Amino acid sequence: MELLERNTAALQGHLAGAIEVMGKICQDADTAPQVRLNAADAIIRNSLKLTETTDILARLCELEKQMEEGHA
């Protein structure tokens, strides 16, 4: 489990740079249209997944809080 957590943290450390690269690719008129489209698609898909995950985690935390308060 510790190895998985370290690897997850390492990957997360590269997120900002990866997002910046994809954004630059989308904006670069000299980049092939298909490459730009792929970068845009990756940004959109991953943004939607992250938003959904964030929303679910927030709801889960609220439910756990309510359960704790109900059992206190």
C-alpha atoms as a PDB file:
ATOM      1  CA  MET A   1       0.000   0.000   0.000  1.00  0.00           C
ATOM      2  CA  GLU A   2       2.876   2.368   0.798  1.00  0.00           C
ATOM      3  CA  LEU A   3       4.335   1.894  -2.692  1.00  0.00           C
ATOM      4  CA  LEU A   4       0.977   2.711  -4.262  1.00  0.00           C
ATOM      5  CA  GLU A   5       0.659   5.866  -2.156  1.00  0.00           C
ATOM      6  CA  ARG A   6       4.181   7.010  -3.111  1.00  0.00           C
ATOM      7  CA  ASN A   7       3.522   6.393  -6.791  1.00  0.00           C
ATOM      8  CA  THR A   8       0.197   8.210  -6.607  1.00  0.00           C
ATOM      9  CA  ALA A   9       1.888  11.199  -4.974  1.00  0.00           C
ATOM     10  CA  ALA A  10       4.618  11.178  -7.635  1.00  0.00           C
ATOM     11  CA  LEU A  11       2.044  11.183 -10.430  1.00  0.00           C
ATOM     12  CA  GLN A  12       0.075  13.956  -8.763  1.00  0.00           C
ATOM     13  CA  GLY A  13       3.271  16.007  -8.645  1.00  0.00           C
ATOM     14  CA  HIS A  14       3.315  16.034 -12.446  1.00  0.00           C
ATOM     15  CA  LEU A  15      -0.331  17.008 -12.973  1.00  0.00           C
ATOM     16  CA  ALA A  16       0.165  20.761 -13.215  1.00  0.00           C
ATOM     17  CA  GLY A  17       2.924  20.390 -15.789  1.00  0.00           C
ATOM     18  CA  ALA A  18       0.931  17.900 -17.837  1.00  0.00           C
ATOM     19  CA  ILE A  19      -2.101  20.169 -17.835  1.00  0.00           C
ATOM     20  CA  GLU A  20       0.056  23.101 -18.909  1.00  0.00           C
ATOM     21  CA  VAL A  21       1.551  21.083 -21.779  1.00  0.00           C
ATOM     22  CA  MET A  22      -1.886  19.988 -23.001  1.00  0.00           C
ATOM     23  CA  GLY A  23      -3.104  23.574 -22.823  1.00  0.00           C
ATOM     24  CA  LYS A  24      -0.140  24.792 -24.869  1.00  0.00           C
ATOM     25  CA  ILE A  25      -0.747  22.077 -27.461  1.00  0.00           C
ATOM     26  CA  CYS A  26      -4.393  23.150 -27.769  1.00  0.00           C
ATOM     27  CA  GLN A  27      -3.346  26.762 -28.354  1.00  0.00           C
ATOM     28  CA  ASP A  28      -0.466  26.076 -30.761  1.00  0.00           C
ATOM     29  CA  ALA A  29      -1.643  26.812 -34.297  1.00  0.00           C
ATOM     30  CA  ASP A  30       1.445  25.037 -35.671  1.00  0.00           C
ATOM     31  CA  THR A  31       0.416  21.741 -34.083  1.00  0.00           C
ATOM     32  CA  ALA A  32      -1.507  19.283 -36.248  1.00  0.00           C
ATOM     33  CA  PRO A  33      -5.287  19.661 -35.838  1.00  0.00           C
ATOM     34  CA  GLN A  34      -5.726  16.026 -34.742  1.00  0.00           C
ATOM     35  CA  VAL A  35      -3.086  16.441 -32.023  1.00  0.00           C
ATOM     36  CA  ARG A  36      -4.784  19.619 -30.828  1.00  0.00           C
ATOM     37  CA  LEU A  37      -8.146  17.852 -30.833  1.00  0.00           C
ATOM     38  CA  ASN A  38      -6.702  14.933 -28.859  1.00  0.00           C
ATOM     39  CA  ALA A  39      -5.246  17.304 -26.269  1.00  0.00           C
ATOM     40  CA  ALA A  40      -8.540  19.181 -25.963  1.00  0.00           C
ATOM     41  CA  ASP A  41     -10.431  15.914 -25.622  1.00  0.00           C
ATOM     42  CA  ALA A  42      -8.051  14.712 -22.909  1.00  0.00           C
ATOM     43  CA  ILE A  43      -8.477  17.965 -20.996  1.00  0.00           C
ATOM     44  CA  ILE A  44     -12.271  17.782 -21.200  1.00  0.00           C
ATOM     45  CA  ARG A  45     -12.541  14.076 -20.309  1.00  0.00           C
ATOM     46  CA  ASN A  46     -10.157  14.329 -17.381  1.00  0.00           C
ATOM     47  CA  SER A  47     -11.738  17.539 -16.132  1.00  0.00           C
ATOM     48  CA  LEU A  48     -15.153  15.877 -16.099  1.00  0.00           C
ATOM     49  CA  LYS A  49     -13.775  12.836 -14.241  1.00  0.00           C
ATOM     50  CA  LEU A  50     -12.023  15.030 -11.681  1.00  0.00           C
ATOM     51  CA  THR A  51     -15.144  17.154 -11.173  1.00  0.00           C
ATOM     52  CA  GLU A  52     -17.297  14.057 -10.724  1.00  0.00           C
ATOM     53  CA  THR A  53     -14.828  12.497  -8.292  1.00  0.00           C
ATOM     54  CA  THR A  54     -14.534  15.718  -6.305  1.00  0.00           C
ATOM     55  CA  ASP A  55     -18.319  16.008  -6.079  1.00  0.00           C
ATOM     56  CA  ILE A  56     -18.688  12.382  -4.950  1.00  0.00           C
ATOM     57  CA  LEU A  57     -15.988  12.778  -2.294  1.00  0.00           C
ATOM     58  CA  ALA A  58     -17.644  15.924  -0.964  1.00  0.00           C
ATOM     59  CA  ARG A  59     -20.980  14.115  -0.737  1.00  0.00           C
ATOM     60  CA  LEU A  60     -19.349  11.132   0.952  1.00  0.00           C
ATOM     61  CA  CYS A  61     -17.643  13.356   3.517  1.00  0.00           C
ATOM     62  CA  GLU A  62     -20.956  15.058   4.276  1.00  0.00           C
ATOM     63  CA  LEU A  63     -22.709  11.714   4.709  1.00  0.00           C
ATOM     64  CA  GLU A  64     -19.958  10.459   7.015  1.00  0.00           C
ATOM     65  CA  LYS A  65     -20.225  13.664   9.051  1.00  0.00           C
ATOM     66  CA  GLN A  66     -23.977  13.262   9.356  1.00  0.00           C
ATOM     67  CA  MET A  67     -23.578   9.640  10.434  1.00  0.00           C
ATOM     68  CA  GLU A  68     -21.033  10.595  13.094  1.00  0.00           C
ATOM     69  CA  GLU A  69     -23.288  13.329  14.415  1.00  0.00           C
ATOM     70  CA  GLY A  70     -26.219  10.945  14.481  1.00  0.00           C
ATOM     71  CA  HIS A  71     -24.259   8.376  16.509  1.00  0.00           C
ATOM     72  CA  ALA A  72     -22.661  10.847  18.922  1.00  0.00           C
END
